[in-house]
PDB file of N, CA and C in Angstrom:
ATOM      1  N   UNK A   1     -32.617 -71.634 183.919  1.00  0.00           N
ATOM      2  CA  UNK A   1     -32.856 -71.676 185.352  1.00  0.00           C
ATOM      3  C   UNK A   1     -32.729 -73.117 185.843  1.00  0.00           C
ATOM      4  N   UNK A   2     -31.997 -73.312 186.893  1.00  0.00           N
ATOM      5  CA  UNK A   2     -31.852 -74.639 187.496  1.00  0.00           C
ATOM      6  C   UNK A   2     -32.996 -74.833 188.482  1.00  0.00           C
ATOM      7  N   UNK A   3     -33.709 -75.950 188.355  1.00  0.00           N
ATOM      8  CA  UNK A   3     -34.846 -76.210 189.225  1.00  0.00           C
ATOM      9  C   UNK A   3     -34.493 -77.122 190.390  1.00  0.00           C
ATOM     10  N   UNK A   4     -33.448 -77.910 190.256  1.00  0.00           N
ATOM     11  CA  UNK A   4     -33.071 -78.799 191.352  1.00  0.00           C
ATOM     12  C   UNK A   4     -31.632 -79.233 191.163  1.00  0.00           C
ATOM     13  N   UNK A   5     -30.902 -79.327 192.237  1.00  0.00           N
ATOM     14  CA  UNK A   5     -29.570 -79.915 192.216  1.00  0.00           C
ATOM     15  C   UNK A   5     -29.516 -80.980 193.298  1.00  0.00           C
ATOM     16  N   UNK A   6     -29.092 -82.172 192.918  1.00  0.00           N
ATOM     17  CA  UNK A   6     -28.951 -83.281 193.862  1.00  0.00           C
ATOM     18  C   UNK A   6     -27.483 -83.676 193.872  1.00  0.00           C
ATOM     19  N   UNK A   7     -26.830 -83.514 195.020  1.00  0.00           N
ATOM     20  CA  UNK A   7     -25.407 -83.825 195.135  1.00  0.00           C
ATOM     21  C   UNK A   7     -25.260 -85.098 195.949  1.00  0.00           C
ATOM     22  N   UNK A   8     -24.622 -86.096 195.336  1.00  0.00           N
ATOM     23  CA  UNK A   8     -24.373 -87.355 196.021  1.00  0.00           C
ATOM     24  C   UNK A   8     -22.868 -87.521 196.175  1.00  0.00           C
ATOM     25  N   UNK A   9     -22.454 -88.665 196.642  1.00  0.00           N
ATOM     26  CA  UNK A   9     -21.033 -88.862 196.928  1.00  0.00           C
ATOM     27  C   UNK A   9     -20.159 -88.617 195.700  1.00  0.00           C
ATOM     28  N   UNK A  10     -20.515 -89.199 194.556  1.00  0.00           N
ATOM     29  CA  UNK A  10     -19.670 -88.996 193.380  1.00  0.00           C
ATOM     30  C   UNK A  10     -20.439 -88.560 192.150  1.00  0.00           C
ATOM     31  N   UNK A  11     -21.646 -88.089 192.314  1.00  0.00           N
ATOM     32  CA  UNK A  11     -22.429 -87.633 191.170  1.00  0.00           C
ATOM     33  C   UNK A  11     -23.233 -86.399 191.558  1.00  0.00           C
ATOM     34  N   UNK A  12     -23.326 -85.468 190.625  1.00  0.00           N
ATOM     35  CA  UNK A  12     -24.200 -84.309 190.794  1.00  0.00           C
ATOM     36  C   UNK A  12     -25.244 -84.363 189.690  1.00  0.00           C
ATOM     37  N   UNK A  13     -26.516 -84.281 190.061  1.00  0.00           N
ATOM     38  CA  UNK A  13     -27.602 -84.229 189.092  1.00  0.00           C
ATOM     39  C   UNK A  13     -28.249 -82.853 189.170  1.00  0.00           C
ATOM     40  N   UNK A  14     -28.470 -82.245 188.016  1.00  0.00           N
ATOM     41  CA  UNK A  14     -29.141 -80.954 187.948  1.00  0.00           C
ATOM     42  C   UNK A  14     -30.346 -81.109 187.036  1.00  0.00           C
ATOM     43  N   UNK A  15     -31.504 -80.653 187.486  1.00  0.00           N
ATOM     44  CA  UNK A  15     -32.721 -80.739 186.682  1.00  0.00           C
ATOM     45  C   UNK A  15     -33.132 -79.346 186.221  1.00  0.00           C
ATOM     46  N   UNK A  16     -33.466 -79.222 184.947  1.00  0.00           N
ATOM     47  CA  UNK A  16     -33.913 -77.946 184.398  1.00  0.00           C
ATOM     48  C   UNK A  16     -34.889 -78.197 183.260  1.00  0.00           C
ATOM     49  N   UNK A  17     -35.738 -77.221 182.998  1.00  0.00           N
ATOM     50  CA  UNK A  17     -36.631 -77.284 181.836  1.00  0.00           C
ATOM     51  C   UNK A  17     -36.257 -76.213 180.822  1.00  0.00           C
ATOM     52  N   UNK A  18     -35.149 -75.548 181.022  1.00  0.00           N
ATOM     53  CA  UNK A  18     -34.834 -74.372 180.232  1.00  0.00           C
ATOM     54  C   UNK A  18     -33.789 -74.578 179.143  1.00  0.00           C
ATOM     55  N   UNK A  19     -33.398 -75.811 178.871  1.00  0.00           N
ATOM     56  CA  UNK A  19     -32.450 -76.026 177.785  1.00  0.00           C
ATOM     57  C   UNK A  19     -33.147 -75.821 176.444  1.00  0.00           C
ATOM     58  N   UNK A  20     -32.426 -75.326 175.432  1.00  0.00           N
ATOM     59  CA  UNK A  20     -33.036 -75.160 174.115  1.00  0.00           C
ATOM     60  C   UNK A  20     -33.603 -76.480 173.602  1.00  0.00           C
ATOM     61  N   UNK A  21     -34.732 -76.399 172.922  1.00  0.00           N
ATOM     62  CA  UNK A  21     -35.387 -77.561 172.304  1.00  0.00           C
ATOM     63  C   UNK A  21     -35.865 -78.604 173.304  1.00  0.00           C
ATOM     64  N   UNK A  22     -36.022 -78.238 174.571  1.00  0.00           N
ATOM     65  CA  UNK A  22     -36.480 -79.230 175.551  1.00  0.00           C
ATOM     66  C   UNK A  22     -37.986 -79.445 175.484  1.00  0.00           C
ATOM     67  N   UNK A  23     -38.711 -78.512 174.861  1.00  0.00           N
ATOM     68  CA  UNK A  23     -40.155 -78.619 174.677  1.00  0.00           C
ATOM     69  C   UNK A  23     -40.872 -78.900 175.995  1.00  0.00           C
ATOM     70  N   UNK A  24     -40.413 -78.277 177.067  1.00  0.00           N
ATOM     71  CA  UNK A  24     -41.077 -78.412 178.353  1.00  0.00           C
ATOM     72  C   UNK A  24     -40.731 -79.667 179.124  1.00  0.00           C
ATOM     73  N   UNK A  25     -39.922 -80.546 178.536  1.00  0.00           N
ATOM     74  CA  UNK A  25     -39.525 -81.748 179.259  1.00  0.00           C
ATOM     75  C   UNK A  25     -38.335 -81.425 180.156  1.00  0.00           C
ATOM     76  N   UNK A  26     -38.142 -82.274 181.151  1.00  0.00           N
ATOM     77  CA  UNK A  26     -37.008 -82.109 182.046  1.00  0.00           C
ATOM     78  C   UNK A  26     -35.723 -82.543 181.367  1.00  0.00           C
ATOM     79  N   UNK A  27     -34.672 -81.808 181.622  1.00  0.00           N
ATOM     80  CA  UNK A  27     -33.336 -82.217 181.214  1.00  0.00           C
ATOM     81  C   UNK A  27     -32.541 -82.476 182.481  1.00  0.00           C
ATOM     82  N   UNK A  28     -31.876 -83.606 182.499  1.00  0.00           N
ATOM     83  CA  UNK A  28     -30.998 -83.927 183.622  1.00  0.00           C
ATOM     84  C   UNK A  28     -29.567 -83.770 183.133  1.00  0.00           C
ATOM     85  N   UNK A  29     -28.812 -82.945 183.807  1.00  0.00           N
ATOM     86  CA  UNK A  29     -27.392 -82.805 183.529  1.00  0.00           C
ATOM     87  C   UNK A  29     -26.674 -83.537 184.648  1.00  0.00           C
ATOM     88  N   UNK A  30     -25.865 -84.502 184.292  1.00  0.00           N
ATOM     89  CA  UNK A  30     -25.190 -85.314 185.306  1.00  0.00           C
ATOM     90  C   UNK A  30     -23.685 -85.174 185.171  1.00  0.00           C
ATOM     91  N   UNK A  31     -23.024 -85.074 186.298  1.00  0.00           N
ATOM     92  CA  UNK A  31     -21.561 -85.039 186.321  1.00  0.00           C
ATOM     93  C   UNK A  31     -21.091 -86.115 187.281  1.00  0.00           C
ATOM     94  N   UNK A  32     -20.366 -87.065 186.759  1.00  0.00           N
ATOM     95  CA  UNK A  32     -19.837 -88.160 187.567  1.00  0.00           C
ATOM     96  C   UNK A  32     -18.379 -87.864 187.870  1.00  0.00           C
ATOM     97  N   UNK A  33     -18.017 -87.872 189.145  1.00  0.00           N
ATOM     98  CA  UNK A  33     -16.652 -87.498 189.516  1.00  0.00           C
ATOM     99  C   UNK A  33     -15.615 -88.518 189.059  1.00  0.00           C
ATOM    100  N   UNK A  34     -16.040 -89.778 188.852  1.00  0.00           N
ATOM    101  CA  UNK A  34     -15.091 -90.787 188.382  1.00  0.00           C
ATOM    102  C   UNK A  34     -14.856 -90.654 186.883  1.00  0.00           C
ATOM    103  N   UNK A  35     -15.934 -90.575 186.118  1.00  0.00           N
ATOM    104  CA  UNK A  35     -15.804 -90.509 184.662  1.00  0.00           C
ATOM    105  C   UNK A  35     -15.529 -89.091 184.190  1.00  0.00           C
ATOM    106  N   UNK A  36     -15.989 -88.117 184.960  1.00  0.00           N
ATOM    107  CA  UNK A  36     -15.781 -86.730 184.574  1.00  0.00           C
ATOM    108  C   UNK A  36     -16.562 -86.326 183.344  1.00  0.00           C
ATOM    109  N   UNK A  37     -17.682 -86.999 183.076  1.00  0.00           N
ATOM    110  CA  UNK A  37     -18.461 -86.745 181.865  1.00  0.00           C
ATOM    111  C   UNK A  37     -19.817 -86.169 182.250  1.00  0.00           C
ATOM    112  N   UNK A  38     -20.201 -85.082 181.599  1.00  0.00           N
ATOM    113  CA  UNK A  38     -21.533 -84.540 181.804  1.00  0.00           C
ATOM    114  C   UNK A  38     -22.422 -84.927 180.637  1.00  0.00           C
ATOM    115  N   UNK A  39     -23.691 -85.136 180.880  1.00  0.00           N
ATOM    116  CA  UNK A  39     -24.603 -85.447 179.784  1.00  0.00           C
ATOM    117  C   UNK A  39     -25.999 -84.952 180.125  1.00  0.00           C
ATOM    118  N   UNK A  40     -26.818 -84.792 179.101  1.00  0.00           N
ATOM    119  CA  UNK A  40     -28.185 -84.319 179.298  1.00  0.00           C
ATOM    120  C   UNK A  40     -29.136 -85.246 178.575  1.00  0.00           C
ATOM    121  N   UNK A  41     -30.310 -85.412 179.133  1.00  0.00           N
ATOM    122  CA  UNK A  41     -31.333 -86.190 178.452  1.00  0.00           C
ATOM    123  C   UNK A  41     -32.690 -85.595 178.785  1.00  0.00           C
ATOM    124  N   UNK A  42     -33.641 -85.752 177.872  1.00  0.00           N
ATOM    125  CA  UNK A  42     -34.976 -85.219 178.079  1.00  0.00           C
ATOM    126  C   UNK A  42     -35.843 -86.262 178.762  1.00  0.00           C
ATOM    127  N   UNK A  43     -36.533 -85.854 179.798  1.00  0.00           N
ATOM    128  CA  UNK A  43     -37.307 -86.778 180.612  1.00  0.00           C
ATOM    129  C   UNK A  43     -38.693 -86.212 180.889  1.00  0.00           C
ATOM    130  N   UNK A  44     -39.641 -87.093 181.047  1.00  0.00           N
ATOM    131  CA  UNK A  44     -40.965 -86.675 181.507  1.00  0.00           C
ATOM    132  C   UNK A  44     -40.909 -86.433 183.014  1.00  0.00           C
ATOM    133  N   UNK A  45     -41.968 -85.843 183.561  1.00  0.00           N
ATOM    134  CA  UNK A  45     -42.021 -85.617 185.009  1.00  0.00           C
ATOM    135  C   UNK A  45     -41.869 -86.927 185.776  1.00  0.00           C
ATOM    136  N   UNK A  46     -42.562 -87.971 185.321  1.00  0.00           N
ATOM    137  CA  UNK A  46     -42.500 -89.263 186.016  1.00  0.00           C
ATOM    138  C   UNK A  46     -41.095 -89.844 185.956  1.00  0.00           C
ATOM    139  N   UNK A  47     -40.441 -89.701 184.799  1.00  0.00           N
ATOM    140  CA  UNK A  47     -39.077 -90.226 184.663  1.00  0.00           C
ATOM    141  C   UNK A  47     -38.119 -89.476 185.583  1.00  0.00           C
ATOM    142  N   UNK A  48     -38.293 -88.168 185.677  1.00  0.00           N
ATOM    143  CA  UNK A  48     -37.434 -87.386 186.569  1.00  0.00           C
ATOM    144  C   UNK A  48     -37.622 -87.834 188.015  1.00  0.00           C
ATOM    145  N   UNK A  49     -38.870 -88.008 188.420  1.00  0.00           N
ATOM    146  CA  UNK A  49     -39.150 -88.457 189.782  1.00  0.00           C
ATOM    147  C   UNK A  49     -38.491 -89.801 190.054  1.00  0.00           C
ATOM    148  N   UNK A  50     -38.560 -90.705 189.080  1.00  0.00           N
ATOM    149  CA  UNK A  50     -37.943 -92.023 189.236  1.00  0.00           C
ATOM    150  C   UNK A  50     -36.431 -91.909 189.363  1.00  0.00           C
ATOM    151  N   UNK A  51     -35.824 -91.045 188.550  1.00  0.00           N
ATOM    152  CA  UNK A  51     -34.366 -90.859 188.598  1.00  0.00           C
ATOM    153  C   UNK A  51     -33.944 -90.338 189.975  1.00  0.00           C
ATOM    154  N   UNK A  52     -34.663 -89.334 190.468  1.00  0.00           N
ATOM    155  CA  UNK A  52     -34.320 -88.759 191.771  1.00  0.00           C
ATOM    156  C   UNK A  52     -34.466 -89.812 192.862  1.00  0.00           C
ATOM    157  N   UNK A  53     -35.556 -90.565 192.813  1.00  0.00           N
ATOM    158  CA  UNK A  53     -35.789 -91.595 193.828  1.00  0.00           C
ATOM    159  C   UNK A  53     -34.701 -92.656 193.802  1.00  0.00           C
ATOM    160  N   UNK A  54     -34.347 -93.110 192.598  1.00  0.00           N
ATOM    161  CA  UNK A  54     -33.301 -94.129 192.476  1.00  0.00           C
ATOM    162  C   UNK A  54     -31.953 -93.585 192.925  1.00  0.00           C
ATOM    163  N   UNK A  55     -31.668 -92.349 192.554  1.00  0.00           N
ATOM    164  CA  UNK A  55     -30.388 -91.754 192.939  1.00  0.00           C
ATOM    165  C   UNK A  55     -30.274 -91.665 194.455  1.00  0.00           C
ATOM    166  N   UNK A  56     -31.347 -91.236 195.095  1.00  0.00           N
ATOM    167  CA  UNK A  56     -31.315 -91.144 196.554  1.00  0.00           C
ATOM    168  C   UNK A  56     -31.214 -92.519 197.192  1.00  0.00           C
ATOM    169  N   UNK A  57     -31.941 -93.481 196.643  1.00  0.00           N
ATOM    170  CA  UNK A  57     -31.940 -94.826 197.223  1.00  0.00           C
ATOM    171  C   UNK A  57     -30.584 -95.505 197.072  1.00  0.00           C
ATOM    172  N   UNK A  58     -29.868 -95.181 195.987  1.00  0.00           N
ATOM    173  CA  UNK A  58     -28.594 -95.842 195.718  1.00  0.00           C
ATOM    174  C   UNK A  58     -27.385 -95.074 196.246  1.00  0.00           C
ATOM    175  N   UNK A  59     -27.602 -93.866 196.737  1.00  0.00           N
ATOM    176  CA  UNK A  59     -26.496 -93.078 197.270  1.00  0.00           C
ATOM    177  C   UNK A  59     -25.959 -93.756 198.526  1.00  0.00           C
ATOM    178  N   UNK A  60     -24.645 -93.826 198.629  1.00  0.00           N
ATOM    179  CA  UNK A  60     -24.079 -94.418 199.836  1.00  0.00           C
ATOM    180  C   UNK A  60     -24.443 -93.561 201.033  1.00  0.00           C
ATOM    181  N   UNK A  61     -24.867 -94.209 202.064  1.00  0.00           N
ATOM    182  CA  UNK A  61     -25.434 -93.538 203.216  1.00  0.00           C
ATOM    183  C   UNK A  61     -24.332 -93.107 204.179  1.00  0.00           C
ATOM    184  N   UNK A  62     -23.931 -91.852 204.084  1.00  0.00           N
ATOM    185  CA  UNK A  62     -22.857 -91.349 204.926  1.00  0.00           C
ATOM    186  C   UNK A  62     -23.360 -90.871 206.289  1.00  0.00           C
ATOM    187  N   UNK A  63     -24.674 -90.645 206.415  1.00  0.00           N
ATOM    188  CA  UNK A  63     -25.200 -90.087 207.653  1.00  0.00           C
ATOM    189  C   UNK A  63     -26.114 -91.061 208.383  1.00  0.00           C
ATOM    190  N   UNK A  64     -26.095 -92.323 208.016  1.00  0.00           N
ATOM    191  CA  UNK A  64     -26.918 -93.296 208.701  1.00  0.00           C
ATOM    192  C   UNK A  64     -28.393 -93.238 208.352  1.00  0.00           C
ATOM    193  N   UNK A  65     -28.745 -92.580 207.240  1.00  0.00           N
ATOM    194  CA  UNK A  65     -30.145 -92.498 206.841  1.00  0.00           C
ATOM    195  C   UNK A  65     -30.547 -93.777 206.124  1.00  0.00           C
ATOM    196  N   UNK A  66     -31.733 -94.279 206.417  1.00  0.00           N
ATOM    197  CA  UNK A  66     -32.204 -95.452 205.693  1.00  0.00           C
ATOM    198  C   UNK A  66     -32.947 -95.021 204.426  1.00  0.00           C
ATOM    199  N   UNK A  67     -33.302 -95.994 203.583  1.00  0.00           N
ATOM    200  CA  UNK A  67     -33.947 -95.659 202.316  1.00  0.00           C
ATOM    201  C   UNK A  67     -35.264 -94.918 202.517  1.00  0.00           C
ATOM    202  N   UNK A  68     -36.037 -95.334 203.517  1.00  0.00           N
ATOM    203  CA  UNK A  68     -37.306 -94.651 203.778  1.00  0.00           C
ATOM    204  C   UNK A  68     -37.058 -93.172 204.043  1.00  0.00           C
ATOM    205  N   UNK A  69     -36.051 -92.871 204.838  1.00  0.00           N
ATOM    206  CA  UNK A  69     -35.727 -91.479 205.142  1.00  0.00           C
ATOM    207  C   UNK A  69     -35.287 -90.743 203.879  1.00  0.00           C
ATOM    208  N   UNK A  70     -34.507 -91.402 203.031  1.00  0.00           N
ATOM    209  CA  UNK A  70     -34.060 -90.762 201.796  1.00  0.00           C
ATOM    210  C   UNK A  70     -35.237 -90.432 200.886  1.00  0.00           C
ATOM    211  N   UNK A  71     -36.211 -91.347 200.799  1.00  0.00           N
ATOM    212  CA  UNK A  71     -37.406 -91.064 200.004  1.00  0.00           C
ATOM    213  C   UNK A  71     -38.176 -89.887 200.600  1.00  0.00           C
ATOM    214  N   UNK A  72     -38.235 -89.820 201.931  1.00  0.00           N
ATOM    215  CA  UNK A  72     -38.902 -88.693 202.581  1.00  0.00           C
ATOM    216  C   UNK A  72     -38.196 -87.386 202.238  1.00  0.00           C
ATOM    217  N   UNK A  73     -36.872 -87.414 202.213  1.00  0.00           N
ATOM    218  CA  UNK A  73     -36.100 -86.227 201.834  1.00  0.00           C
ATOM    219  C   UNK A  73     -36.422 -85.844 200.395  1.00  0.00           C
ATOM    220  N   UNK A  74     -36.470 -86.840 199.497  1.00  0.00           N
ATOM    221  CA  UNK A  74     -36.797 -86.562 198.092  1.00  0.00           C
ATOM    222  C   UNK A  74     -38.176 -85.922 197.981  1.00  0.00           C
ATOM    223  N   UNK A  75     -39.138 -86.450 198.727  1.00  0.00           N
ATOM    224  CA  UNK A  75     -40.490 -85.890 198.694  1.00  0.00           C
ATOM    225  C   UNK A  75     -40.493 -84.446 199.176  1.00  0.00           C
ATOM    226  N   UNK A  76     -39.722 -84.155 200.221  1.00  0.00           N
ATOM    227  CA  UNK A  76     -39.653 -82.790 200.734  1.00  0.00           C
ATOM    228  C   UNK A  76     -39.025 -81.853 199.702  1.00  0.00           C
ATOM    229  N   UNK A  77     -37.990 -82.336 199.002  1.00  0.00           N
ATOM    230  CA  UNK A  77     -37.360 -81.528 197.955  1.00  0.00           C
ATOM    231  C   UNK A  77     -38.373 -81.215 196.866  1.00  0.00           C
ATOM    232  N   UNK A  78     -39.118 -82.237 196.430  1.00  0.00           N
ATOM    233  CA  UNK A  78     -40.090 -82.042 195.359  1.00  0.00           C
ATOM    234  C   UNK A  78     -41.190 -81.069 195.786  1.00  0.00           C
ATOM    235  N   UNK A  79     -41.567 -81.081 197.061  1.00  0.00           N
ATOM    236  CA  UNK A  79     -42.613 -80.174 197.551  1.00  0.00           C
ATOM    237  C   UNK A  79     -42.178 -78.718 197.473  1.00  0.00           C
ATOM    238  N   UNK A  80     -40.880 -78.456 197.504  1.00  0.00           N
ATOM    239  CA  UNK A  80     -40.398 -77.076 197.486  1.00  0.00           C
ATOM    240  C   UNK A  80     -40.419 -76.471 196.089  1.00  0.00           C
ATOM    241  N   UNK A  81     -40.582 -77.299 195.063  1.00  0.00           N
ATOM    242  CA  UNK A  81     -40.594 -76.767 193.704  1.00  0.00           C
ATOM    243  C   UNK A  81     -41.887 -76.014 193.453  1.00  0.00           C
ATOM    244  N   UNK A  82     -41.844 -74.937 192.689  1.00  0.00           N
ATOM    245  CA  UNK A  82     -43.082 -74.242 192.323  1.00  0.00           C
ATOM    246  C   UNK A  82     -44.014 -75.192 191.560  1.00  0.00           C
ATOM    247  N   UNK A  83     -45.336 -74.992 191.657  1.00  0.00           N
ATOM    248  CA  UNK A  83     -46.285 -75.910 191.009  1.00  0.00           C
ATOM    249  C   UNK A  83     -46.028 -76.103 189.520  1.00  0.00           C
ATOM    250  N   UNK A  84     -45.571 -75.067 188.838  1.00  0.00           N
ATOM    251  CA  UNK A  84     -45.385 -75.192 187.391  1.00  0.00           C
ATOM    252  C   UNK A  84     -44.202 -76.078 187.013  1.00  0.00           C
ATOM    253  N   UNK A  85     -43.319 -76.381 187.947  1.00  0.00           N
ATOM    254  CA  UNK A  85     -42.176 -77.243 187.628  1.00  0.00           C
ATOM    255  C   UNK A  85     -42.151 -78.515 188.456  1.00  0.00           C
ATOM    256  N   UNK A  86     -43.135 -78.680 189.349  1.00  0.00           N
ATOM    257  CA  UNK A  86     -43.129 -79.835 190.252  1.00  0.00           C
ATOM    258  C   UNK A  86     -43.483 -81.119 189.507  1.00  0.00           C
ATOM    259  N   UNK A  87     -42.631 -82.144 189.576  1.00  0.00           N
ATOM    260  CA  UNK A  87     -42.965 -83.419 188.939  1.00  0.00           C
ATOM    261  C   UNK A  87     -44.179 -84.058 189.603  1.00  0.00           C
ATOM    262  N   UNK A  88     -44.964 -84.737 188.818  1.00  0.00           N
ATOM    263  CA  UNK A  88     -46.117 -85.462 189.344  1.00  0.00           C
ATOM    264  C   UNK A  88     -45.803 -86.942 189.268  1.00  0.00           C
ATOM    265  N   UNK A  89     -45.669 -87.630 190.428  1.00  0.00           N
ATOM    266  CA  UNK A  89     -45.304 -89.054 190.401  1.00  0.00           C
ATOM    267  C   UNK A  89     -46.380 -89.898 189.744  1.00  0.00           C
TER     268      UNK A  89
END
């Protein structure tokens, strides 16, 4: 089950806890449109939150949103996750 998908200008990040041997940790699957390489890594809730925050902060701003607004968007996304999968910052 995919718990979150974050699509940026040239990268897609997908967060899931359902990969084999993940032991309840988050796995991030990333696809970079330039390199064309996907990869997965196991992350704690805090690490996942940091990755999402950094990804949003570093995404090129196509709609005139400032970093504060992007963090607010990230917070809103995290609030929509069910409690059992919601990262705790």
